[in-house]
Amino acid sequence: MPLITAPTAPAPSSSPSSDLPDAPSEVALNQDNVVAVGEAAVKASGKPPSCNAKKAMGFIYVDPKRAGEKPQPCSELVYPYQRFLGTNVVIPLTWQQKGYLALHDVTDPGSLATIALISGITTAADPHSAYGPGLKGWGKNAGVSLLQNATAEFFGTFAVPSIMHQDPRYYRRPDLPFKNRLIYSISRTIISRHDDGSPMPNYGTLFEYPINAELSNLYVPGIESDGASTVKRILVGYAIDPTNNILAEFLPDVAKHVRIRIIFIQQFLNNIAANPNGLP
């Protein structure tokens, strides 16, 4: 899941209470107006950037400090806050964009490099595994890991969130105290955001691990496919998932350019979740 830094909440206004909107619908209407104005401004400045499957593949980096500039294609997949008229407005993803996001997560160079590295290490450490030794064993190992990753992204980022109208992105909260951020990051395994920004169950994650575990039983060499082993892999996935969120929440605070490091650590944890016995 992509990590997003939520903007700091604006300071309370000193205007009298009579200036406040009468209902939440008025706030939503004002936000819609802001988005409409922003989109018109982008179109007026030239051809607006567009996202497609080809542009979504590979590395995407957005500097939040330069968010006021013309956004790059597919930047909304990893940074949803578009600054229009000095206001941060979350632009929900369409179902097509959720598909592009899943494709991006699978083809991210950091993720692919991690799969290749971990597959090489596990093949060298256990050449007598079900994958076999040497380059051929490494290729099978990496291929299975990539397929598992693609399956998880398809269901956890695209299919389930599209059906349930869920925003699959992880939103960081650097504006909160440490304890609150820790609780928040752990809770994101079961709590997510609706496309309109309201809280909702994290159906993408809750369904991702059982689906991936069951499908892995069909094609992962040497995997234990009995009911107890399958349930164990699902529970390990749920137990490790909050660690992904904690890394995404806090690592950017203590290091620069940590995106690749996060991907390496998260991919390693995801491989453990896929099979506690060491298979990818």
C-alpha atoms as a PDB file:
ATOM      1  CA  MET A   1       0.000   0.000   0.000  1.00  0.00           C
ATOM      2  CA  PRO A   2       1.393   3.416  -0.990  1.00  0.00           C
ATOM      3  CA  LEU A   3       2.293   5.757   1.862  1.00  0.00           C
ATOM      4  CA  ILE A   4       0.745   9.220   1.839  1.00  0.00           C
ATOM      5  CA  THR A   5       1.591  12.110   4.121  1.00  0.00           C
ATOM      6  CA  ALA A   6      -1.584  13.783   5.292  1.00  0.00           C
ATOM      7  CA  PRO A   7      -1.442  17.577   5.489  1.00  0.00           C
ATOM      8  CA  THR A   8      -1.314  19.187   8.883  1.00  0.00           C
ATOM      9  CA  ALA A   9      -4.737  20.322  10.009  1.00  0.00           C
ATOM     10  CA  PRO A  10      -5.179  24.090   9.627  1.00  0.00           C
ATOM     11  CA  ALA A  11      -5.158  26.254  12.712  1.00  0.00           C
ATOM     12  CA  PRO A  12      -8.578  27.081  14.164  1.00  0.00           C
ATOM     13  CA  SER A  13     -10.085  30.182  12.632  1.00  0.00           C
ATOM     14  CA  SER A  14     -10.622  33.253  14.764  1.00  0.00           C
ATOM     15  CA  SER A  15     -13.775  34.177  12.857  1.00  0.00           C
ATOM     16  CA  PRO A  16     -17.081  34.157  14.762  1.00  0.00           C
ATOM     17  CA  SER A  17     -19.213  31.022  14.799  1.00  0.00           C
ATOM     18  CA  SER A  18     -21.729  32.663  12.495  1.00  0.00           C
ATOM     19  CA  ASP A  19     -19.180  32.271   9.678  1.00  0.00           C
ATOM     20  CA  LEU A  20     -19.178  28.481   9.971  1.00  0.00           C
ATOM     21  CA  PRO A  21     -21.149  26.442   7.408  1.00  0.00           C
ATOM     22  CA  ASP A  22     -24.596  25.300   8.441  1.00  0.00           C
ATOM     23  CA  ALA A  23     -24.096  21.675   7.408  1.00  0.00           C
ATOM     24  CA  PRO A  24     -21.406  19.234   6.238  1.00  0.00           C
ATOM     25  CA  SER A  25     -22.969  19.293   2.793  1.00  0.00           C
ATOM     26  CA  GLU A  26     -21.933  22.920   2.432  1.00  0.00           C
ATOM     27  CA  VAL A  27     -18.339  21.968   3.213  1.00  0.00           C
ATOM     28  CA  ALA A  28     -18.484  19.233   0.583  1.00  0.00           C
ATOM     29  CA  LEU A  29     -19.934  21.698  -1.911  1.00  0.00           C
ATOM     30  CA  ASN A  30     -17.111  24.153  -1.228  1.00  0.00           C
ATOM     31  CA  GLN A  31     -14.541  21.398  -1.747  1.00  0.00           C
ATOM     32  CA  ASP A  32     -16.208  20.384  -5.004  1.00  0.00           C
ATOM     33  CA  ASN A  33     -16.002  24.000  -6.133  1.00  0.00           C
ATOM     34  CA  VAL A  34     -12.316  24.123  -5.239  1.00  0.00           C
ATOM     35  CA  VAL A  35     -11.628  20.959  -7.224  1.00  0.00           C
ATOM     36  CA  ALA A  36     -13.577  22.270 -10.204  1.00  0.00           C
ATOM     37  CA  VAL A  37     -11.625  25.525 -10.195  1.00  0.00           C
ATOM     38  CA  GLY A  38      -8.341  23.650  -9.877  1.00  0.00           C
ATOM     39  CA  GLU A  39      -9.150  21.313 -12.755  1.00  0.00           C
ATOM     40  CA  ALA A  40     -10.146  24.252 -14.928  1.00  0.00           C
ATOM     41  CA  ALA A  41      -6.861  25.981 -14.115  1.00  0.00           C
ATOM     42  CA  VAL A  42      -4.861  22.892 -15.078  1.00  0.00           C
ATOM     43  CA  LYS A  43      -6.711  22.561 -18.374  1.00  0.00           C
ATOM     44  CA  ALA A  44      -6.244  26.249 -19.131  1.00  0.00           C
ATOM     45  CA  SER A  45      -2.479  25.961 -18.580  1.00  0.00           C
ATOM     46  CA  GLY A  46      -2.130  23.311 -21.263  1.00  0.00           C
ATOM     47  CA  LYS A  47      -2.822  19.648 -21.811  1.00  0.00           C
ATOM     48  CA  PRO A  48      -3.477  18.127 -18.368  1.00  0.00           C
ATOM     49  CA  PRO A  49      -1.306  15.184 -17.342  1.00  0.00           C
ATOM     50  CA  SER A  50      -2.944  11.815 -17.824  1.00  0.00           C
ATOM     51  CA  CYS A  51      -2.274   8.431 -16.303  1.00  0.00           C
ATOM     52  CA  ASN A  52      -2.357   5.135 -18.130  1.00  0.00           C
ATOM     53  CA  ALA A  53      -0.996   1.637 -17.609  1.00  0.00           C
ATOM     54  CA  LYS A  54       2.335   2.404 -19.281  1.00  0.00           C
ATOM     55  CA  LYS A  55       2.959   5.575 -17.249  1.00  0.00           C
ATOM     56  CA  ALA A  56       1.909   3.848 -14.022  1.00  0.00           C
ATOM     57  CA  MET A  57       4.580   1.192 -14.377  1.00  0.00           C
ATOM     58  CA  GLY A  58       7.940   1.786 -12.737  1.00  0.00           C
ATOM     59  CA  PHE A  59       9.122   4.480 -10.351  1.00  0.00           C
ATOM     60  CA  ILE A  60       6.892   7.404  -9.351  1.00  0.00           C
ATOM     61  CA  TYR A  61       8.146  10.065  -6.975  1.00  0.00           C
ATOM     62  CA  VAL A  62       6.304  13.213  -5.949  1.00  0.00           C
ATOM     63  CA  ASP A  63       7.851  15.896  -3.770  1.00  0.00           C
ATOM     64  CA  PRO A  64       5.042  17.288  -1.573  1.00  0.00           C
ATOM     65  CA  LYS A  65       6.970  20.568  -1.283  1.00  0.00           C
ATOM     66  CA  ARG A  66       6.520  21.052  -5.032  1.00  0.00           C
ATOM     67  CA  ALA A  67       2.859  20.047  -5.085  1.00  0.00           C
ATOM     68  CA  GLY A  68       1.876  23.516  -6.283  1.00  0.00           C
ATOM     69  CA  GLU A  69       3.547  22.861  -9.624  1.00  0.00           C
ATOM     70  CA  LYS A  70       1.901  21.101 -12.542  1.00  0.00           C
ATOM     71  CA  PRO A  71       1.601  17.471 -11.394  1.00  0.00           C
ATOM     72  CA  GLN A  72       3.304  14.658 -13.256  1.00  0.00           C
ATOM     73  CA  PRO A  73       1.254  11.875 -14.850  1.00  0.00           C
ATOM     74  CA  CYS A  74       0.103   9.287 -12.283  1.00  0.00           C
ATOM     75  CA  SER A  75       1.288  11.440  -9.365  1.00  0.00           C
ATOM     76  CA  GLU A  76      -2.193  11.173  -7.847  1.00  0.00           C
ATOM     77  CA  LEU A  77      -1.572   7.467  -7.302  1.00  0.00           C
ATOM     78  CA  VAL A  78       1.103   8.155  -4.690  1.00  0.00           C
ATOM     79  CA  TYR A  79       0.240  11.703  -3.565  1.00  0.00           C
ATOM     80  CA  PRO A  80      -3.504  12.476  -3.576  1.00  0.00           C
ATOM     81  CA  TYR A  81      -3.341  16.006  -2.166  1.00  0.00           C
ATOM     82  CA  GLN A  82      -3.729  18.501  -4.982  1.00  0.00           C
ATOM     83  CA  ARG A  83      -3.174  22.068  -3.841  1.00  0.00           C
ATOM     84  CA  PHE A  84      -5.902  24.237  -5.366  1.00  0.00           C
ATOM     85  CA  LEU A  85      -6.264  27.808  -4.076  1.00  0.00           C
ATOM     86  CA  GLY A  86      -4.112  26.971  -1.051  1.00  0.00           C
ATOM     87  CA  THR A  87      -6.468  24.179   0.073  1.00  0.00           C
ATOM     88  CA  ASN A  88      -5.616  20.489   0.461  1.00  0.00           C
ATOM     89  CA  VAL A  89      -8.355  18.395  -1.114  1.00  0.00           C
ATOM     90  CA  VAL A  90      -8.205  14.614  -1.367  1.00  0.00           C
ATOM     91  CA  ILE A  91      -9.044  13.468  -4.889  1.00  0.00           C
ATOM     92  CA  PRO A  92     -10.516   9.921  -4.755  1.00  0.00           C
ATOM     93  CA  LEU A  93      -9.198   7.326  -7.172  1.00  0.00           C
ATOM     94  CA  THR A  94     -11.414   5.923  -9.901  1.00  0.00           C
ATOM     95  CA  TRP A  95     -11.544   2.164 -10.337  1.00  0.00           C
ATOM     96  CA  GLN A  96      -9.178   2.512 -13.306  1.00  0.00           C
ATOM     97  CA  GLN A  97      -6.685   4.438 -11.177  1.00  0.00           C
ATOM     98  CA  LYS A  98      -6.827   1.750  -8.496  1.00  0.00           C
ATOM     99  CA  GLY A  99      -5.852  -0.701 -11.208  1.00  0.00           C
ATOM    100  CA  TYR A 100      -2.976   1.546 -12.252  1.00  0.00           C
ATOM    101  CA  LEU A 101      -1.883   1.767  -8.605  1.00  0.00           C
ATOM    102  CA  ALA A 102      -1.839  -2.026  -8.289  1.00  0.00           C
ATOM    103  CA  LEU A 103       0.174  -2.243 -11.509  1.00  0.00           C
ATOM    104  CA  HIS A 104       2.601   0.370 -10.213  1.00  0.00           C
ATOM    105  CA  ASP A 105       3.108  -1.483  -6.930  1.00  0.00           C
ATOM    106  CA  VAL A 106       3.893  -4.720  -8.780  1.00  0.00           C
ATOM    107  CA  THR A 107       6.339  -3.129 -11.235  1.00  0.00           C
ATOM    108  CA  ASP A 108       8.047  -0.724  -8.828  1.00  0.00           C
ATOM    109  CA  PRO A 109      11.817  -1.232  -9.342  1.00  0.00           C
ATOM    110  CA  GLY A 110      12.402  -1.501  -5.598  1.00  0.00           C
ATOM    111  CA  SER A 111       9.846  -4.275  -5.286  1.00  0.00           C
ATOM    112  CA  LEU A 112      11.227  -6.182  -8.276  1.00  0.00           C
ATOM    113  CA  ALA A 113      14.795  -5.857  -7.006  1.00  0.00           C
ATOM    114  CA  THR A 114      13.753  -7.123  -3.580  1.00  0.00           C
ATOM    115  CA  ILE A 115      12.040 -10.171  -5.069  1.00  0.00           C
ATOM    116  CA  ALA A 116      15.152 -10.946  -7.089  1.00  0.00           C
ATOM    117  CA  LEU A 117      17.437 -10.496  -4.075  1.00  0.00           C
ATOM    118  CA  ILE A 118      15.365 -12.529  -1.600  1.00  0.00           C
ATOM    119  CA  SER A 119      14.849 -15.301  -4.161  1.00  0.00           C
ATOM    120  CA  GLY A 120      18.601 -15.469  -4.706  1.00  0.00           C
ATOM    121  CA  ILE A 121      19.302 -15.659  -0.989  1.00  0.00           C
ATOM    122  CA  THR A 122      16.703 -18.358  -0.298  1.00  0.00           C
ATOM    123  CA  THR A 123      17.807 -20.426  -3.304  1.00  0.00           C
ATOM    124  CA  ALA A 124      21.455 -20.263  -2.240  1.00  0.00           C
ATOM    125  CA  ALA A 125      20.591 -21.066   1.379  1.00  0.00           C
ATOM    126  CA  ASP A 126      18.422 -24.063   0.474  1.00  0.00           C
ATOM    127  CA  PRO A 127      19.296 -25.443  -2.986  1.00  0.00           C
ATOM    128  CA  HIS A 128      17.355 -28.633  -2.209  1.00  0.00           C
ATOM    129  CA  SER A 129      14.015 -26.859  -1.844  1.00  0.00           C
ATOM    130  CA  ALA A 130      11.048 -27.575  -4.106  1.00  0.00           C
ATOM    131  CA  TYR A 131      12.346 -24.907  -6.503  1.00  0.00           C
ATOM    132  CA  GLY A 132      15.658 -26.631  -7.092  1.00  0.00           C
ATOM    133  CA  PRO A 133      19.198 -25.195  -7.219  1.00  0.00           C
ATOM    134  CA  GLY A 134      20.984 -22.755  -9.468  1.00  0.00           C
ATOM    135  CA  LEU A 135      19.644 -20.195 -11.901  1.00  0.00           C
ATOM    136  CA  LYS A 136      16.617 -22.325 -12.744  1.00  0.00           C
ATOM    137  CA  GLY A 137      15.638 -22.595  -9.079  1.00  0.00           C
ATOM    138  CA  TRP A 138      16.133 -18.861  -8.612  1.00  0.00           C
ATOM    139  CA  GLY A 139      13.915 -18.173 -11.632  1.00  0.00           C
ATOM    140  CA  LYS A 140      11.104 -20.363 -10.291  1.00  0.00           C
ATOM    141  CA  ASN A 141      11.449 -18.803  -6.855  1.00  0.00           C
ATOM    142  CA  ALA A 142      11.336 -15.248  -8.211  1.00  0.00           C
ATOM    143  CA  GLY A 143       8.455 -16.065 -10.557  1.00  0.00           C
ATOM    144  CA  VAL A 144       6.309 -17.475  -7.764  1.00  0.00           C
ATOM    145  CA  SER A 145       7.083 -14.485  -5.522  1.00  0.00           C
ATOM    146  CA  LEU A 146       6.161 -12.073  -8.314  1.00  0.00           C
ATOM    147  CA  LEU A 147       2.908 -13.922  -8.967  1.00  0.00           C
ATOM    148  CA  GLN A 148       2.011 -13.838  -5.270  1.00  0.00           C
ATOM    149  CA  ASN A 149       2.772 -10.128  -5.153  1.00  0.00           C
ATOM    150  CA  ALA A 150       0.664  -9.500  -8.243  1.00  0.00           C
ATOM    151  CA  THR A 151      -2.217 -11.506  -6.767  1.00  0.00           C
ATOM    152  CA  ALA A 152      -2.090  -9.559  -3.515  1.00  0.00           C
ATOM    153  CA  GLU A 153      -2.066  -6.227  -5.362  1.00  0.00           C
ATOM    154  CA  PHE A 154      -4.855  -7.261  -7.735  1.00  0.00           C
ATOM    155  CA  PHE A 155      -7.229  -8.148  -4.932  1.00  0.00           C
ATOM    156  CA  GLY A 156      -5.958  -5.887  -2.118  1.00  0.00           C
ATOM    157  CA  THR A 157      -5.417  -2.700  -4.123  1.00  0.00           C
ATOM    158  CA  PHE A 158      -7.694  -3.033  -7.154  1.00  0.00           C
ATOM    159  CA  ALA A 159     -10.549  -5.549  -7.110  1.00  0.00           C
ATOM    160  CA  VAL A 160     -11.811  -5.418  -3.517  1.00  0.00           C
ATOM    161  CA  PRO A 161     -11.307  -1.627  -3.035  1.00  0.00           C
ATOM    162  CA  SER A 162     -13.048  -0.956  -6.364  1.00  0.00           C
ATOM    163  CA  ILE A 163     -16.062  -3.066  -5.401  1.00  0.00           C
ATOM    164  CA  MET A 164     -16.232  -1.680  -1.846  1.00  0.00           C
ATOM    165  CA  HIS A 165     -15.414   1.934  -2.845  1.00  0.00           C
ATOM    166  CA  GLN A 166     -12.349   1.903  -0.587  1.00  0.00           C
ATOM    167  CA  ASP A 167      -9.261   4.107  -0.922  1.00  0.00           C
ATOM    168  CA  PRO A 168      -6.357   1.600  -0.860  1.00  0.00           C
ATOM    169  CA  ARG A 169      -3.656   4.175  -0.067  1.00  0.00           C
ATOM    170  CA  TYR A 170      -2.009   4.507   3.353  1.00  0.00           C
ATOM    171  CA  TYR A 171      -2.193   8.035   4.737  1.00  0.00           C
ATOM    172  CA  ARG A 172       0.585   9.072   7.121  1.00  0.00           C
ATOM    173  CA  ARG A 173      -0.267  11.291  10.086  1.00  0.00           C
ATOM    174  CA  PRO A 174       2.890  13.218  11.090  1.00  0.00           C
ATOM    175  CA  ASP A 175       0.667  15.862  12.716  1.00  0.00           C
ATOM    176  CA  LEU A 176      -0.277  13.491  15.567  1.00  0.00           C
ATOM    177  CA  PRO A 177       1.704  12.705  18.755  1.00  0.00           C
ATOM    178  CA  PHE A 178       3.906   9.600  18.618  1.00  0.00           C
ATOM    179  CA  LYS A 179       1.555   7.390  20.651  1.00  0.00           C
ATOM    180  CA  ASN A 180      -1.434   8.354  18.530  1.00  0.00           C
ATOM    181  CA  ARG A 181       0.517   7.720  15.325  1.00  0.00           C
ATOM    182  CA  LEU A 182       1.528   4.274  16.549  1.00  0.00           C
ATOM    183  CA  ILE A 183      -2.052   3.343  17.419  1.00  0.00           C
ATOM    184  CA  TYR A 184      -3.249   4.827  14.135  1.00  0.00           C
ATOM    185  CA  SER A 185      -0.726   2.874  12.023  1.00  0.00           C
ATOM    186  CA  ILE A 186      -1.571  -0.423  13.738  1.00  0.00           C
ATOM    187  CA  SER A 187      -5.299   0.172  13.320  1.00  0.00           C
ATOM    188  CA  ARG A 188      -4.961   0.694   9.547  1.00  0.00           C
ATOM    189  CA  THR A 189      -4.849  -3.070   9.074  1.00  0.00           C
ATOM    190  CA  ILE A 190      -8.564  -3.210   9.904  1.00  0.00           C
ATOM    191  CA  ILE A 191      -9.639   0.413   9.335  1.00  0.00           C
ATOM    192  CA  SER A 192      -9.347   2.259   6.041  1.00  0.00           C
ATOM    193  CA  ARG A 193     -10.948   5.158   4.188  1.00  0.00           C
ATOM    194  CA  HIS A 194     -13.987   5.233   1.971  1.00  0.00           C
ATOM    195  CA  ASP A 195     -13.534   7.041  -1.328  1.00  0.00           C
ATOM    196  CA  ASP A 196     -15.291  10.024   0.242  1.00  0.00           C
ATOM    197  CA  GLY A 197     -12.790  10.087   3.141  1.00  0.00           C
ATOM    198  CA  SER A 198     -15.009   8.556   5.821  1.00  0.00           C
ATOM    199  CA  PRO A 199     -13.741   5.571   7.892  1.00  0.00           C
ATOM    200  CA  MET A 200     -14.595   2.059   6.768  1.00  0.00           C
ATOM    201  CA  PRO A 201     -13.316  -1.518   7.325  1.00  0.00           C
ATOM    202  CA  ASN A 202     -10.110  -2.287   5.430  1.00  0.00           C
ATOM    203  CA  TYR A 203     -11.726  -4.861   3.189  1.00  0.00           C
ATOM    204  CA  GLY A 204      -8.735  -4.852   0.833  1.00  0.00           C
ATOM    205  CA  THR A 205      -6.343  -6.146   3.500  1.00  0.00           C
ATOM    206  CA  LEU A 206      -8.891  -8.347   5.273  1.00  0.00           C
ATOM    207  CA  PHE A 207      -9.658 -10.232   2.038  1.00  0.00           C
ATOM    208  CA  GLU A 208      -6.169 -10.064   0.532  1.00  0.00           C
ATOM    209  CA  TYR A 209      -4.476 -12.566   2.854  1.00  0.00           C
ATOM    210  CA  PRO A 210      -7.137 -15.327   2.723  1.00  0.00           C
ATOM    211  CA  ILE A 211      -7.435 -15.067  -1.064  1.00  0.00           C
ATOM    212  CA  ASN A 212      -3.671 -15.099  -1.567  1.00  0.00           C
ATOM    213  CA  ALA A 213      -3.229 -18.005   0.830  1.00  0.00           C
ATOM    214  CA  GLU A 214      -5.849 -20.117  -0.928  1.00  0.00           C
ATOM    215  CA  LEU A 215      -4.515 -19.358  -4.409  1.00  0.00           C
ATOM    216  CA  SER A 216      -0.944 -20.052  -3.257  1.00  0.00           C
ATOM    217  CA  ASN A 217      -2.053 -23.583  -2.373  1.00  0.00           C
ATOM    218  CA  LEU A 218      -2.663 -24.168  -6.090  1.00  0.00           C
ATOM    219  CA  TYR A 219       0.757 -23.296  -7.500  1.00  0.00           C
ATOM    220  CA  VAL A 220       3.485 -22.732  -4.863  1.00  0.00           C
ATOM    221  CA  PRO A 221       5.908 -25.713  -4.971  1.00  0.00           C
ATOM    222  CA  GLY A 222       6.202 -27.669  -1.746  1.00  0.00           C
ATOM    223  CA  ILE A 223       3.681 -25.581   0.155  1.00  0.00           C
ATOM    224  CA  GLU A 224       1.635 -27.180   2.928  1.00  0.00           C
ATOM    225  CA  SER A 225      -1.920 -26.738   1.669  1.00  0.00           C
ATOM    226  CA  ASP A 226      -3.891 -28.310   4.511  1.00  0.00           C
ATOM    227  CA  GLY A 227      -6.414 -26.172   6.390  1.00  0.00           C
ATOM    228  CA  ALA A 228      -4.270 -25.607   9.479  1.00  0.00           C
ATOM    229  CA  SER A 229      -1.246 -24.441   7.458  1.00  0.00           C
ATOM    230  CA  THR A 230      -3.400 -22.151   5.328  1.00  0.00           C
ATOM    231  CA  VAL A 231      -4.981 -20.545   8.395  1.00  0.00           C
ATOM    232  CA  LYS A 232      -1.516 -20.125   9.917  1.00  0.00           C
ATOM    233  CA  ARG A 233      -0.278 -18.217   6.857  1.00  0.00           C
ATOM    234  CA  ILE A 234      -3.351 -15.986   6.932  1.00  0.00           C
ATOM    235  CA  LEU A 235      -2.889 -15.172  10.620  1.00  0.00           C
ATOM    236  CA  VAL A 236       0.826 -14.484  10.151  1.00  0.00           C
ATOM    237  CA  GLY A 237      -0.114 -12.083   7.351  1.00  0.00           C
ATOM    238  CA  TYR A 238      -2.518 -10.207   9.600  1.00  0.00           C
ATOM    239  CA  ALA A 239       0.071 -10.117  12.402  1.00  0.00           C
ATOM    240  CA  ILE A 240       2.823  -8.719  10.167  1.00  0.00           C
ATOM    241  CA  ASP A 241       0.685  -6.237   8.247  1.00  0.00           C
ATOM    242  CA  PRO A 242       0.789  -3.543  10.985  1.00  0.00           C
ATOM    243  CA  THR A 243       4.590  -3.618  10.754  1.00  0.00           C
ATOM    244  CA  ASN A 244       4.297  -2.445   7.153  1.00  0.00           C
ATOM    245  CA  ASN A 245       2.175   0.474   8.317  1.00  0.00           C
ATOM    246  CA  ILE A 246       4.540   1.367  11.168  1.00  0.00           C
ATOM    247  CA  LEU A 247       7.486   1.440   8.759  1.00  0.00           C
ATOM    248  CA  ALA A 248       5.548   3.602   6.337  1.00  0.00           C
ATOM    249  CA  GLU A 249       4.492   5.945   9.130  1.00  0.00           C
ATOM    250  CA  PHE A 250       7.812   6.538  10.911  1.00  0.00           C
ATOM    251  CA  LEU A 251      10.752   5.781   8.610  1.00  0.00           C
ATOM    252  CA  PRO A 252      10.338   8.967   6.533  1.00  0.00           C
ATOM    253  CA  ASP A 253      10.785  10.957   9.754  1.00  0.00           C
ATOM    254  CA  VAL A 254      14.287   9.667  10.430  1.00  0.00           C
ATOM    255  CA  ALA A 255      15.843   9.224   6.996  1.00  0.00           C
ATOM    256  CA  LYS A 256      15.881  10.821   3.571  1.00  0.00           C
ATOM    257  CA  HIS A 257      15.039   8.934   0.396  1.00  0.00           C
ATOM    258  CA  VAL A 258      13.752   5.955   2.378  1.00  0.00           C
ATOM    259  CA  ARG A 259      11.161   4.866  -0.162  1.00  0.00           C
ATOM    260  CA  ILE A 260      13.385   2.102  -1.523  1.00  0.00           C
ATOM    261  CA  ARG A 261      14.325   0.961   1.987  1.00  0.00           C
ATOM    262  CA  ILE A 262      10.673   0.736   2.941  1.00  0.00           C
ATOM    263  CA  ILE A 263       9.934  -1.373  -0.129  1.00  0.00           C
ATOM    264  CA  PHE A 264      12.788  -3.769   0.647  1.00  0.00           C
ATOM    265  CA  ILE A 265      11.698  -4.278   4.249  1.00  0.00           C
ATOM    266  CA  GLN A 266       8.021  -4.545   3.388  1.00  0.00           C
ATOM    267  CA  GLN A 267       8.665  -7.056   0.606  1.00  0.00           C
ATOM    268  CA  PHE A 268      10.746  -9.155   3.009  1.00  0.00           C
ATOM    269  CA  LEU A 269       7.905  -9.127   5.548  1.00  0.00           C
ATOM    270  CA  ASN A 270       5.374  -9.958   2.849  1.00  0.00           C
ATOM    271  CA  ASN A 271       7.423 -13.010   1.850  1.00  0.00           C
ATOM    272  CA  ILE A 272       7.370 -14.197   5.451  1.00  0.00           C
ATOM    273  CA  ALA A 273       3.617 -13.650   5.569  1.00  0.00           C
ATOM    274  CA  ALA A 274       3.158 -15.639   2.359  1.00  0.00           C
ATOM    275  CA  ASN A 275       4.825 -18.689   3.907  1.00  0.00           C
ATOM    276  CA  PRO A 276       6.088 -18.793   7.502  1.00  0.00           C
ATOM    277  CA  ASN A 277       8.248 -21.816   6.627  1.00  0.00           C
ATOM    278  CA  GLY A 278      10.469 -19.753   4.366  1.00  0.00           C
ATOM    279  CA  LEU A 279       9.015 -20.261   0.914  1.00  0.00           C
ATOM    280  CA  PRO A 280       8.012 -17.066  -0.871  1.00  0.00           C
END
